């Protein structure tokens, strides 16, 4: 009952808080020498909006209106929509000179070889990297959000603690249409130029989370086939991420891509 009250309170208060922060930004207010800039307001607005939408999806899932699979897909598409709007109206219209200088200096400190510097540190590549930072942030946000649910589910099941909201990690099938759109946007990001290329590539990055998630589910099912306790499973996953890092992310993604491709080929043959 307390949890339900807190959720309802959050739903009611969040729009008011958004309006309050917008009022502070509009009037250029300061709070303990912290100026309420547009960037500050947008960070708060986007985070609150995503959390509100996630609670709405989880509530629908709790009432069996949508599946856990739909929760992940709809959340991903919602984040993608917010990202494209954010890029179009704000991020791509803003000068990022300070960030450019920081990235250029960062790579200059790492790459001591002049030839490597010339290949890596050029304005075009740095601009491209800066323009896709929001999509990378969106991917990381959803990854940590799902991993948090994943490990929390394991721990709460272990201690028999009741869960008000949960996501089941037993099955996930990426719809063929989304997989098709993902591949189309890959080709568009290669063929197109300028901002259209950036929008297409950002879409690829965000949609790739669904393929990564599919690979993660089936990798976990493979690990689950061994007779191991939950603590040991968590420890194995944790150690794999530490020692393999981005290689493990790539392997999980390729596994998810293979599963979607195999499913489509099987349907075509049938």
Protein backbone atom coordinates (compact mmCIF):
# COMPACT_ATOMS: atom_id res chain seq x y z
CA UNK A 1 0.00 0.00 0.00
CA UNK A 2 2.85 2.35 0.88
CA UNK A 3 4.59 1.56 -2.43
CA UNK A 4 1.40 2.28 -4.34
CA UNK A 5 1.02 5.60 -2.53
CA UNK A 6 4.61 6.56 -3.35
CA UNK A 7 4.14 5.72 -7.02
CA UNK A 8 0.92 7.75 -7.22
CA UNK A 9 2.61 10.62 -5.38
CA UNK A 10 5.49 10.51 -7.87
CA UNK A 11 3.06 10.54 -10.81
CA UNK A 12 1.25 13.54 -9.37
CA UNK A 13 4.29 15.53 -8.29
CA UNK A 14 6.57 15.01 -11.32
CA UNK A 15 4.62 17.28 -13.72
CA UNK A 16 4.53 19.96 -11.01
CA UNK A 17 8.28 19.62 -10.47
CA UNK A 18 8.90 19.90 -14.20
CA UNK A 19 6.88 23.13 -14.31
CA UNK A 20 8.70 24.37 -11.21
CA UNK A 21 12.14 23.74 -12.72
CA UNK A 22 11.04 25.34 -15.98
CA UNK A 23 9.94 28.43 -14.02
CA UNK A 24 13.36 28.57 -12.32
CA UNK A 25 15.14 28.26 -15.67
CA UNK A 26 12.91 30.86 -17.34
CA UNK A 27 13.63 33.36 -14.58
CA UNK A 28 17.36 32.49 -14.53
CA UNK A 29 17.17 31.55 -10.86
CA UNK A 30 20.18 30.51 -8.80
CA UNK A 31 20.26 28.00 -5.98
CA UNK A 32 23.45 27.82 -3.87
CA UNK A 33 25.38 29.32 -6.82
CA UNK A 34 23.87 26.70 -9.16
CA UNK A 35 22.24 28.32 -12.16
CA UNK A 36 19.21 26.55 -13.58
CA UNK A 37 20.37 26.33 -17.17
CA UNK A 38 18.48 24.84 -20.10
CA UNK A 39 20.77 21.80 -19.98
CA UNK A 40 19.89 21.24 -16.32
CA UNK A 41 16.17 21.51 -17.06
CA UNK A 42 16.35 19.16 -20.07
CA UNK A 43 18.24 16.53 -18.04
CA UNK A 44 15.60 16.61 -15.35
CA UNK A 45 12.73 16.62 -17.86
CA UNK A 46 13.96 13.69 -19.94
CA UNK A 47 14.86 11.55 -16.92
CA UNK A 48 11.50 12.21 -15.24
CA UNK A 49 9.59 11.52 -18.46
CA UNK A 50 11.36 8.19 -19.00
CA UNK A 51 10.73 7.12 -15.40
CA UNK A 52 7.06 8.11 -15.61
CA UNK A 53 6.62 6.15 -18.82
CA UNK A 54 8.43 3.13 -17.35
CA UNK A 55 6.13 3.14 -14.31
CA UNK A 56 3.14 3.29 -16.65
CA UNK A 57 4.43 0.28 -18.59
CA UNK A 58 5.20 -1.67 -15.41
CA UNK A 59 1.74 -0.92 -14.07
CA UNK A 60 0.19 -2.21 -17.31
CA UNK A 61 2.39 -5.30 -17.07
CA UNK A 62 1.28 -5.87 -13.48
CA UNK A 63 -2.36 -5.84 -14.62
CA UNK A 64 -1.45 -8.29 -17.42
CA UNK A 65 -2.31 -5.77 -20.12
CA UNK A 66 1.10 -6.08 -21.76
CA UNK A 67 3.91 -8.63 -21.49
CA UNK A 68 7.40 -8.03 -20.11
CA UNK A 69 8.60 -8.25 -23.70
CA UNK A 70 6.36 -5.34 -24.69
CA UNK A 71 7.62 -3.30 -21.71
CA UNK A 72 11.18 -3.49 -23.04
CA UNK A 73 10.22 -2.79 -26.65
CA UNK A 74 7.91 0.15 -25.89
CA UNK A 75 10.43 1.67 -23.48
CA UNK A 76 13.13 1.43 -26.13
CA UNK A 77 10.95 3.06 -28.80
CA UNK A 78 9.92 5.79 -26.36
CA UNK A 79 13.56 6.56 -25.49
CA UNK A 80 14.37 6.62 -29.21
CA UNK A 81 11.56 9.12 -29.85
CA UNK A 82 12.75 11.39 -27.04
CA UNK A 83 16.32 11.15 -28.32
CA UNK A 84 15.42 12.18 -31.87
CA UNK A 85 13.34 15.11 -30.60
CA UNK A 86 16.15 16.16 -28.25
CA UNK A 87 18.73 15.99 -31.05
CA UNK A 88 16.58 17.87 -33.54
CA UNK A 89 15.46 20.74 -31.33
CA UNK A 90 18.47 21.17 -29.05
CA UNK A 91 21.59 19.03 -29.29
CA UNK A 92 22.35 19.43 -33.01
CA UNK A 93 21.64 23.16 -32.75
CA UNK A 94 24.15 23.73 -29.93
CA UNK A 95 27.81 24.57 -30.20
CA UNK A 96 30.03 21.98 -28.47
CA UNK A 97 33.36 23.76 -28.70
CA UNK A 98 34.41 22.99 -25.11
CA UNK A 99 33.58 19.31 -25.58
CA UNK A 100 35.52 19.25 -28.86
CA UNK A 101 38.58 20.68 -27.17
CA UNK A 102 38.31 18.21 -24.30
CA UNK A 103 38.02 15.17 -26.62
CA UNK A 104 40.86 16.43 -28.82
CA UNK A 105 43.09 16.91 -25.79
CA UNK A 106 42.10 13.50 -24.42
CA UNK A 107 43.11 11.67 -27.60
CA UNK A 108 46.27 13.79 -27.90
CA UNK A 109 47.38 12.59 -24.47
CA UNK A 110 46.70 8.94 -25.37
CA UNK A 111 48.07 8.82 -28.92
CA UNK A 112 51.74 9.84 -28.90
CA UNK A 113 52.44 8.65 -32.46
CA UNK A 114 51.96 11.56 -34.96
CA UNK A 115 50.47 9.23 -37.61
CA UNK A 116 47.90 7.88 -35.17
CA UNK A 117 47.05 11.41 -34.07
CA UNK A 118 46.47 12.45 -37.68
CA UNK A 119 44.14 9.48 -38.31
CA UNK A 120 42.17 9.73 -35.07
CA UNK A 121 42.20 13.40 -34.14
CA UNK A 122 40.49 15.23 -36.96
CA UNK A 123 37.54 17.58 -36.77
CA UNK A 124 35.18 15.35 -38.77
CA UNK A 125 35.60 12.29 -36.55
CA UNK A 126 35.39 14.31 -33.35
CA UNK A 127 32.19 16.01 -34.58
CA UNK A 128 30.67 12.62 -35.41
CA UNK A 129 31.60 11.26 -31.97
CA UNK A 130 30.05 14.26 -30.24
CA UNK A 131 26.83 13.99 -32.25
CA UNK A 132 26.28 10.33 -31.27
CA UNK A 133 27.00 10.81 -27.55
CA UNK A 134 23.25 11.12 -26.66
CA UNK A 135 22.45 7.81 -28.38
CA UNK A 136 25.34 6.11 -26.56
CA UNK A 137 24.04 7.55 -23.29
CA UNK A 138 20.57 6.19 -24.09
CA UNK A 139 22.02 2.72 -24.72
CA UNK A 140 23.98 2.82 -21.45
CA UNK A 141 20.93 4.09 -19.54
CA UNK A 142 18.70 1.25 -20.75
CA UNK A 143 21.46 -1.33 -20.22
CA UNK A 144 22.02 -0.38 -16.58
CA UNK A 145 18.28 -0.07 -16.01
CA UNK A 146 17.65 -3.61 -17.24
CA UNK A 147 20.70 -5.05 -15.46
CA UNK A 148 19.39 -3.45 -12.27
CA UNK A 149 16.02 -5.18 -12.74
CA UNK A 150 17.82 -8.39 -13.66
CA UNK A 151 20.00 -8.61 -10.55
CA UNK A 152 17.22 -7.28 -8.29
CA UNK A 153 14.89 -10.05 -9.48
CA UNK A 154 17.49 -12.69 -8.65
CA UNK A 155 18.17 -11.27 -5.19
CA UNK A 156 14.51 -10.75 -4.26
CA UNK A 157 13.57 -14.26 -5.40
CA UNK A 158 16.42 -15.62 -3.33
CA UNK A 159 15.28 -13.92 -0.11
CA UNK A 160 11.54 -14.42 -0.89
CA UNK A 161 10.86 -10.69 -0.77
CA UNK A 162 7.59 -9.54 -2.43
CA UNK A 163 7.94 -7.48 -5.61
CA UNK A 164 5.50 -4.76 -6.55
CA UNK A 165 6.86 -4.37 -10.08
CA UNK A 166 8.98 -6.84 -11.97
CA UNK A 167 10.16 -7.85 -15.44
CA UNK A 168 10.41 -11.49 -16.37
CA UNK A 169 13.69 -12.50 -18.00
CA UNK A 170 12.61 -15.90 -19.29
CA UNK A 171 11.78 -15.14 -22.94
CA UNK A 172 12.29 -12.36 -25.44
CA UNK A 173 11.58 -12.43 -29.16
CA UNK A 174 12.48 -9.34 -31.15
CA UNK A 175 9.66 -8.64 -33.65
CA UNK A 176 10.83 -9.20 -37.25
CA UNK A 177 9.62 -5.72 -38.27
CA UNK A 178 11.91 -4.03 -35.74
CA UNK A 179 14.82 -6.22 -36.83
CA UNK A 180 14.10 -5.26 -40.45
CA UNK A 181 13.99 -1.54 -39.58
CA UNK A 182 17.26 -1.94 -37.67
CA UNK A 183 19.02 -3.30 -40.77
CA UNK A 184 17.45 -0.64 -43.00
CA UNK A 185 18.80 2.10 -40.75
CA UNK A 186 22.24 0.48 -40.85
CA UNK A 187 22.29 0.86 -44.63
CA UNK A 188 20.87 4.39 -44.39
CA UNK A 189 23.59 5.40 -41.93
CA UNK A 190 26.16 4.23 -44.49
CA UNK A 191 24.55 5.76 -47.58
CA UNK A 192 23.27 9.08 -46.23
CA UNK A 193 25.29 12.15 -45.32
CA UNK A 194 25.13 15.11 -42.92
CA UNK A 195 22.39 15.14 -40.25
CA UNK A 196 20.36 12.35 -41.88
CA UNK A 197 23.34 10.05 -41.41
CA UNK A 198 23.53 11.05 -37.73
CA UNK A 199 19.81 10.46 -37.15
CA UNK A 200 20.04 7.04 -38.81
CA UNK A 201 23.13 6.04 -36.86
CA UNK A 202 21.60 7.22 -33.57
CA UNK A 203 18.54 5.10 -34.34
CA UNK A 204 20.78 2.09 -34.97
CA UNK A 205 22.55 2.57 -31.63
CA UNK A 206 19.30 2.77 -29.64
CA UNK A 207 17.57 -0.12 -31.47
CA UNK A 208 20.69 -2.25 -31.02
CA UNK A 209 19.80 -2.40 -27.33
CA UNK A 210 16.86 -4.70 -28.19
CA UNK A 211 19.18 -7.08 -30.03
CA UNK A 212 21.68 -6.92 -27.17
CA UNK A 213 18.88 -7.62 -24.69
CA UNK A 214 17.74 -10.64 -26.71
CA UNK A 215 21.28 -12.00 -26.70
CA UNK A 216 21.53 -11.34 -22.94
CA UNK A 217 18.33 -13.30 -22.22
CA UNK A 218 19.43 -16.36 -24.18
CA UNK A 219 22.97 -16.18 -22.82
CA UNK A 220 21.48 -16.20 -19.32
CA UNK A 221 19.25 -19.15 -20.24
CA UNK A 222 22.36 -21.01 -21.40
CA UNK A 223 24.09 -20.21 -18.10
CA UNK A 224 20.92 -21.20 -16.26
CA UNK A 225 21.06 -24.66 -17.83
CA UNK A 226 24.00 -25.45 -15.56
CA UNK A 227 23.21 -26.50 -12.02
CA UNK A 228 24.66 -23.44 -10.26
CA UNK A 229 23.34 -21.33 -7.41
CA UNK A 230 22.28 -17.74 -8.08
CA UNK A 231 25.23 -16.17 -6.27
CA UNK A 232 27.69 -18.10 -8.43
CA UNK A 233 25.81 -17.07 -11.59
CA UNK A 234 25.99 -13.40 -10.61
CA UNK A 235 29.69 -13.78 -9.80
CA UNK A 236 30.41 -15.40 -13.19
CA UNK A 237 28.53 -12.65 -15.06
CA UNK A 238 30.30 -9.95 -13.03
CA UNK A 239 33.75 -11.44 -13.71
CA UNK A 240 33.01 -11.84 -17.42
CA UNK A 241 32.08 -8.17 -17.69
CA UNK A 242 35.25 -7.15 -15.81
CA UNK A 243 37.71 -9.24 -17.86
CA UNK A 244 36.04 -9.11 -21.28
CA UNK A 245 34.34 -5.72 -21.10
CA UNK A 246 33.22 -4.46 -24.52
CA UNK A 247 34.16 -7.79 -26.12
CA UNK A 248 31.47 -9.48 -24.03
CA UNK A 249 28.96 -6.79 -25.05
CA UNK A 250 29.82 -7.45 -28.70
CA UNK A 251 29.50 -11.23 -28.32
CA UNK A 252 26.10 -10.89 -26.62
CA UNK A 253 24.95 -8.50 -29.36
CA UNK A 254 26.12 -10.86 -32.14
CA UNK A 255 24.31 -13.71 -30.41
CA UNK A 256 21.09 -11.67 -30.36
CA UNK A 257 21.52 -10.67 -34.01
CA UNK A 258 22.11 -14.29 -35.01
CA UNK A 259 18.93 -15.39 -33.20
CA UNK A 260 16.79 -12.80 -35.02
CA UNK A 261 18.35 -13.59 -38.39
CA UNK A 262 17.95 -17.32 -37.86
CA UNK A 263 14.28 -16.89 -36.88
CA UNK A 264 13.54 -14.91 -40.04
CA UNK A 265 15.38 -17.38 -42.31
CA UNK A 266 13.49 -20.28 -40.71
CA UNK A 267 10.13 -18.55 -41.32
CA UNK A 268 11.04 -17.86 -44.96
CA UNK A 269 11.97 -21.52 -45.51
CA UNK A 270 8.73 -22.70 -43.94
